[in-house]
């Protein structure tokens, strides 16, 4: 078979796949990390942990937003924000400190 020499072209209105993935992640966090549900169902069952405020109560929308944004920063910094929890005295990652939240084991 001979190649016709034509290159594959992407349709002008096609969106990159990574944008679809980011959208799914944002939608998942928006629907599963609601402060009114006290903790995310996706975290509760397999890992048996919950995200709570520093005082042990439910988190607010502001804390959830701060935690999400700070989590992205922790990840962007080569994961140092998550690794920090291994050496921290209270086992808090950067996004926990910045948002005033913590993880508890159920």
N, C-alpha and C. Protein backbone atom coordinates (compact mmCIF):
# COMPACT_ATOMS: atom_id res chain seq x y z
N UNK A 1 0.83 -1.18 0.00
CA UNK A 1 0.00 0.00 0.00
C UNK A 1 0.87 1.24 0.00
N UNK A 2 0.49 2.18 -0.78
CA UNK A 2 1.24 3.43 -0.84
C UNK A 2 0.53 4.50 -0.05
N UNK A 3 1.32 5.31 0.59
CA UNK A 3 0.76 6.44 1.32
C UNK A 3 0.49 7.57 0.34
N UNK A 4 -0.61 8.22 0.55
CA UNK A 4 -0.95 9.33 -0.34
C UNK A 4 -0.17 10.59 0.03
N UNK A 5 0.55 10.54 1.13
CA UNK A 5 1.32 11.71 1.55
C UNK A 5 0.49 12.72 2.32
N UNK A 6 -0.79 12.50 2.45
CA UNK A 6 -1.64 13.44 3.19
C UNK A 6 -1.42 13.24 4.69
N UNK A 7 -1.36 14.33 5.39
CA UNK A 7 -1.20 14.26 6.83
C UNK A 7 -2.57 14.26 7.49
N UNK A 8 -2.61 13.65 8.65
CA UNK A 8 -3.87 13.67 9.39
C UNK A 8 -4.04 15.06 9.98
N UNK A 9 -5.22 15.58 9.84
CA UNK A 9 -5.51 16.91 10.38
C UNK A 9 -6.62 16.80 11.40
N UNK A 10 -6.45 17.57 12.44
CA UNK A 10 -7.46 17.59 13.47
C UNK A 10 -8.58 18.53 13.05
N UNK A 11 -9.79 18.15 13.38
CA UNK A 11 -10.92 19.02 13.06
C UNK A 11 -10.75 20.34 13.79
N UNK A 12 -11.13 21.47 13.20
CA UNK A 12 -10.91 22.76 13.83
C UNK A 12 -11.66 22.94 15.15
N UNK A 13 -12.74 22.20 15.37
CA UNK A 13 -13.49 22.37 16.60
C UNK A 13 -13.21 21.26 17.63
N UNK A 14 -12.22 20.41 17.37
CA UNK A 14 -11.89 19.33 18.30
C UNK A 14 -11.15 19.89 19.51
N UNK A 15 -11.53 19.41 20.70
CA UNK A 15 -10.88 19.86 21.93
C UNK A 15 -9.83 18.83 22.33
N UNK A 16 -8.74 19.27 22.94
CA UNK A 16 -7.72 18.31 23.39
C UNK A 16 -8.28 17.38 24.46
N UNK A 17 -7.81 16.16 24.49
CA UNK A 17 -8.29 15.18 25.46
C UNK A 17 -7.95 15.57 26.89
N UNK A 18 -6.83 16.24 27.10
CA UNK A 18 -6.46 16.61 28.46
C UNK A 18 -7.45 17.60 29.04
N UNK A 19 -8.04 18.45 28.21
CA UNK A 19 -9.03 19.41 28.69
C UNK A 19 -10.27 18.68 29.18
N UNK A 20 -10.64 17.63 28.49
CA UNK A 20 -11.76 16.79 28.92
C UNK A 20 -11.45 16.15 30.27
N UNK A 21 -10.23 15.66 30.45
CA UNK A 21 -9.83 15.05 31.71
C UNK A 21 -9.84 16.03 32.87
N UNK A 22 -9.34 17.23 32.62
CA UNK A 22 -9.35 18.27 33.66
C UNK A 22 -10.77 18.61 34.04
N UNK A 23 -11.64 18.73 33.05
CA UNK A 23 -13.05 19.02 33.32
C UNK A 23 -13.71 17.95 34.16
N UNK A 24 -13.38 16.70 33.89
CA UNK A 24 -13.93 15.61 34.69
C UNK A 24 -13.43 15.66 36.13
N UNK A 25 -12.15 15.99 36.32
CA UNK A 25 -11.60 16.09 37.68
C UNK A 25 -12.28 17.22 38.47
N UNK A 26 -12.45 18.35 37.82
CA UNK A 26 -13.10 19.48 38.48
C UNK A 26 -14.54 19.14 38.83
N UNK A 27 -15.24 18.50 37.91
CA UNK A 27 -16.63 18.12 38.16
C UNK A 27 -16.72 17.10 39.29
N UNK A 28 -15.78 16.16 39.34
CA UNK A 28 -15.77 15.16 40.41
C UNK A 28 -15.56 15.83 41.76
N UNK A 29 -14.59 16.74 41.84
CA UNK A 29 -14.33 17.42 43.10
C UNK A 29 -15.50 18.29 43.52
N UNK A 30 -16.16 18.91 42.56
CA UNK A 30 -17.30 19.77 42.89
C UNK A 30 -18.48 18.96 43.41
N UNK A 31 -18.64 17.74 42.94
CA UNK A 31 -19.79 16.94 43.35
C UNK A 31 -19.50 16.03 44.53
N UNK A 32 -18.26 15.69 44.78
CA UNK A 32 -17.95 14.75 45.86
C UNK A 32 -17.32 15.39 47.08
N UNK A 33 -16.93 16.62 47.00
CA UNK A 33 -16.30 17.27 48.15
C UNK A 33 -17.18 18.41 48.67
N UNK A 34 -18.45 18.14 48.79
CA UNK A 34 -19.34 19.19 49.27
C UNK A 34 -19.27 19.25 50.79
N UNK A 35 -19.22 20.44 51.35
CA UNK A 35 -19.16 20.57 52.80
C UNK A 35 -20.38 20.00 53.50
N UNK A 36 -21.53 20.00 52.84
CA UNK A 36 -22.74 19.52 53.48
C UNK A 36 -22.73 18.01 53.66
N UNK A 37 -21.94 17.30 52.87
CA UNK A 37 -21.89 15.85 53.01
C UNK A 37 -20.86 15.42 54.05
N UNK A 38 -20.19 16.37 54.68
CA UNK A 38 -19.21 16.18 55.75
C UNK A 38 -17.91 15.57 55.26
N UNK A 39 -17.96 14.57 54.44
CA UNK A 39 -16.76 14.05 53.80
C UNK A 39 -17.14 13.38 52.50
N UNK A 40 -16.17 13.26 51.65
CA UNK A 40 -16.41 12.75 50.31
C UNK A 40 -16.74 11.26 50.34
N UNK A 41 -17.82 10.83 49.70
CA UNK A 41 -18.13 9.40 49.67
C UNK A 41 -17.02 8.58 49.02
N UNK A 42 -16.33 9.16 48.04
CA UNK A 42 -15.26 8.41 47.38
C UNK A 42 -14.08 8.18 48.31
N UNK A 43 -13.91 9.02 49.32
CA UNK A 43 -12.83 8.82 50.29
C UNK A 43 -13.28 7.92 51.45
N UNK A 44 -14.56 7.99 51.78
CA UNK A 44 -15.05 7.31 52.96
C UNK A 44 -14.93 5.80 52.86
N UNK A 45 -15.33 5.21 51.75
CA UNK A 45 -15.42 3.76 51.70
C UNK A 45 -14.11 3.05 51.43
N UNK A 46 -13.39 3.35 50.35
CA UNK A 46 -12.18 2.56 50.09
C UNK A 46 -11.04 2.84 51.07
N UNK A 47 -10.84 4.11 51.44
CA UNK A 47 -9.69 4.45 52.26
C UNK A 47 -10.03 4.74 53.71
N UNK A 48 -11.30 4.91 54.01
CA UNK A 48 -11.78 5.17 55.37
C UNK A 48 -11.12 6.39 56.00
N UNK A 49 -11.11 7.49 55.25
CA UNK A 49 -10.64 8.77 55.77
C UNK A 49 -11.68 9.84 55.46
N UNK A 50 -11.63 10.92 56.22
CA UNK A 50 -12.56 12.03 56.01
C UNK A 50 -11.79 13.34 56.10
N UNK A 51 -12.22 14.32 55.33
CA UNK A 51 -11.66 15.67 55.40
C UNK A 51 -12.54 16.48 56.32
N UNK A 52 -11.95 17.02 57.38
CA UNK A 52 -12.71 17.83 58.34
C UNK A 52 -11.96 19.14 58.57
N UNK A 53 -12.64 20.10 59.18
CA UNK A 53 -12.00 21.37 59.54
C UNK A 53 -11.02 21.10 60.67
N UNK A 54 -10.16 22.06 60.94
CA UNK A 54 -9.14 21.90 61.98
C UNK A 54 -9.76 21.61 63.35
N UNK A 55 -10.98 22.12 63.58
CA UNK A 55 -11.64 21.88 64.86
C UNK A 55 -12.44 20.58 64.88
N UNK A 56 -12.45 19.83 63.77
CA UNK A 56 -13.13 18.55 63.71
C UNK A 56 -14.52 18.61 63.10
N UNK A 57 -15.00 19.80 62.78
CA UNK A 57 -16.33 19.96 62.20
C UNK A 57 -16.29 19.84 60.68
N UNK A 58 -17.44 20.02 60.05
CA UNK A 58 -17.49 19.94 58.58
C UNK A 58 -16.79 21.13 57.94
N UNK A 59 -16.26 20.92 56.75
CA UNK A 59 -15.56 22.00 56.05
C UNK A 59 -16.57 22.88 55.32
N UNK A 60 -16.18 24.13 55.10
CA UNK A 60 -17.03 25.07 54.38
C UNK A 60 -16.65 25.06 52.90
N UNK A 61 -17.48 25.73 52.09
CA UNK A 61 -17.16 25.85 50.66
C UNK A 61 -15.84 26.58 50.46
N UNK A 62 -15.58 27.59 51.27
CA UNK A 62 -14.33 28.35 51.15
C UNK A 62 -13.14 27.45 51.46
N UNK A 63 -13.24 26.64 52.50
CA UNK A 63 -12.15 25.73 52.84
C UNK A 63 -11.95 24.68 51.74
N UNK A 64 -13.05 24.19 51.19
CA UNK A 64 -12.94 23.20 50.11
C UNK A 64 -12.27 23.81 48.89
N UNK A 65 -12.62 25.05 48.57
CA UNK A 65 -12.00 25.73 47.42
C UNK A 65 -10.52 25.98 47.67
N UNK A 66 -10.19 26.44 48.87
CA UNK A 66 -8.78 26.66 49.22
C UNK A 66 -8.00 25.36 49.17
N UNK A 67 -8.61 24.28 49.67
CA UNK A 67 -7.93 22.98 49.68
C UNK A 67 -7.65 22.50 48.26
N UNK A 68 -8.62 22.66 47.37
CA UNK A 68 -8.44 22.24 45.98
C UNK A 68 -7.34 23.05 45.31
N UNK A 69 -7.38 24.39 45.46
CA UNK A 69 -6.37 25.25 44.83
C UNK A 69 -4.98 24.97 45.42
N UNK A 70 -4.90 24.83 46.73
CA UNK A 70 -3.61 24.56 47.36
C UNK A 70 -3.11 23.17 47.01
N UNK A 71 -4.02 22.23 46.78
CA UNK A 71 -3.62 20.89 46.35
C UNK A 71 -2.98 20.91 44.98
N UNK A 72 -3.50 21.76 44.10
CA UNK A 72 -2.88 21.92 42.79
C UNK A 72 -1.48 22.51 42.91
N UNK A 73 -1.32 23.49 43.82
CA UNK A 73 0.00 24.07 44.04
C UNK A 73 0.96 23.05 44.64
N UNK A 74 0.46 22.24 45.55
CA UNK A 74 1.30 21.20 46.15
C UNK A 74 1.78 20.21 45.10
N UNK A 75 0.91 19.89 44.19
CA UNK A 75 1.26 18.95 43.13
C UNK A 75 2.20 19.60 42.12
N UNK A 76 1.95 20.88 41.81
CA UNK A 76 2.79 21.58 40.83
C UNK A 76 4.22 21.75 41.34
N UNK A 77 4.39 21.81 42.63
CA UNK A 77 5.72 21.94 43.21
C UNK A 77 6.42 20.61 43.34
N UNK A 78 6.33 19.78 42.30
CA UNK A 78 6.96 18.46 42.26
C UNK A 78 6.47 17.54 43.37
N UNK A 79 5.27 17.78 43.86
CA UNK A 79 4.69 16.94 44.90
C UNK A 79 5.23 17.21 46.29
N UNK A 80 6.01 18.27 46.45
CA UNK A 80 6.60 18.55 47.76
C UNK A 80 5.55 18.84 48.82
N UNK A 81 4.42 19.41 48.41
CA UNK A 81 3.35 19.68 49.37
C UNK A 81 2.79 18.42 49.99
N UNK A 82 2.78 17.32 49.23
CA UNK A 82 2.30 16.05 49.75
C UNK A 82 3.38 15.33 50.55
N UNK A 83 4.61 15.43 50.08
CA UNK A 83 5.74 14.80 50.79
C UNK A 83 5.95 15.45 52.15
N UNK A 84 5.60 16.73 52.24
CA UNK A 84 5.74 17.46 53.50
C UNK A 84 4.99 16.77 54.64
N UNK A 85 3.88 16.12 54.35
CA UNK A 85 3.09 15.45 55.38
C UNK A 85 3.88 14.32 56.05
N UNK A 86 4.87 13.77 55.37
CA UNK A 86 5.68 12.70 55.96
C UNK A 86 6.61 13.21 57.05
N UNK A 87 7.01 14.47 56.96
CA UNK A 87 7.95 15.01 57.94
C UNK A 87 7.30 15.98 58.91
N UNK A 88 6.05 16.34 58.67
CA UNK A 88 5.36 17.29 59.54
C UNK A 88 4.98 16.63 60.86
N UNK A 89 5.10 17.37 61.94
CA UNK A 89 4.79 16.84 63.26
C UNK A 89 3.33 16.42 63.38
N UNK A 90 2.42 17.22 62.78
CA UNK A 90 0.99 16.93 62.85
C UNK A 90 0.49 16.18 61.62
N UNK A 91 1.40 15.77 60.72
CA UNK A 91 1.08 15.02 59.49
C UNK A 91 0.14 15.79 58.58
N UNK A 92 0.33 17.11 58.47
CA UNK A 92 -0.48 17.96 57.60
C UNK A 92 0.30 18.32 56.35
N UNK A 93 -0.34 18.19 55.20
CA UNK A 93 0.26 18.61 53.94
C UNK A 93 0.06 20.12 53.79
N UNK A 94 0.67 20.69 52.76
CA UNK A 94 0.56 22.13 52.54
C UNK A 94 -0.89 22.55 52.36
N UNK A 95 -1.66 21.77 51.59
CA UNK A 95 -3.04 22.16 51.35
C UNK A 95 -3.89 22.06 52.61
N UNK A 96 -3.52 21.19 53.56
CA UNK A 96 -4.22 21.14 54.84
C UNK A 96 -3.92 22.40 55.65
N UNK A 97 -2.68 22.79 55.68
CA UNK A 97 -2.30 23.98 56.44
C UNK A 97 -2.93 25.25 55.87
N UNK A 98 -2.90 25.38 54.55
CA UNK A 98 -3.42 26.60 53.91
C UNK A 98 -4.93 26.71 54.00
N UNK A 99 -5.64 25.58 54.04
CA UNK A 99 -7.10 25.62 54.06
C UNK A 99 -7.70 25.44 55.45
N UNK A 100 -6.89 25.09 56.43
CA UNK A 100 -7.41 24.88 57.78
C UNK A 100 -8.20 23.58 57.90
N UNK A 101 -7.75 22.54 57.19
CA UNK A 101 -8.43 21.25 57.22
C UNK A 101 -7.44 20.16 57.64
N UNK A 102 -7.96 18.98 57.86
CA UNK A 102 -7.11 17.82 58.15
C UNK A 102 -7.85 16.55 57.79
N UNK A 103 -7.11 15.48 57.62
CA UNK A 103 -7.71 14.17 57.35
C UNK A 103 -7.82 13.40 58.65
N UNK A 104 -8.94 12.72 58.83
CA UNK A 104 -9.07 11.82 59.99
C UNK A 104 -9.35 10.42 59.49
N UNK A 105 -8.92 9.44 60.25
CA UNK A 105 -9.17 8.02 59.93
C UNK A 105 -10.48 7.61 60.57
N UNK A 106 -11.31 6.93 59.81
CA UNK A 106 -12.61 6.49 60.32
C UNK A 106 -12.53 5.09 60.88
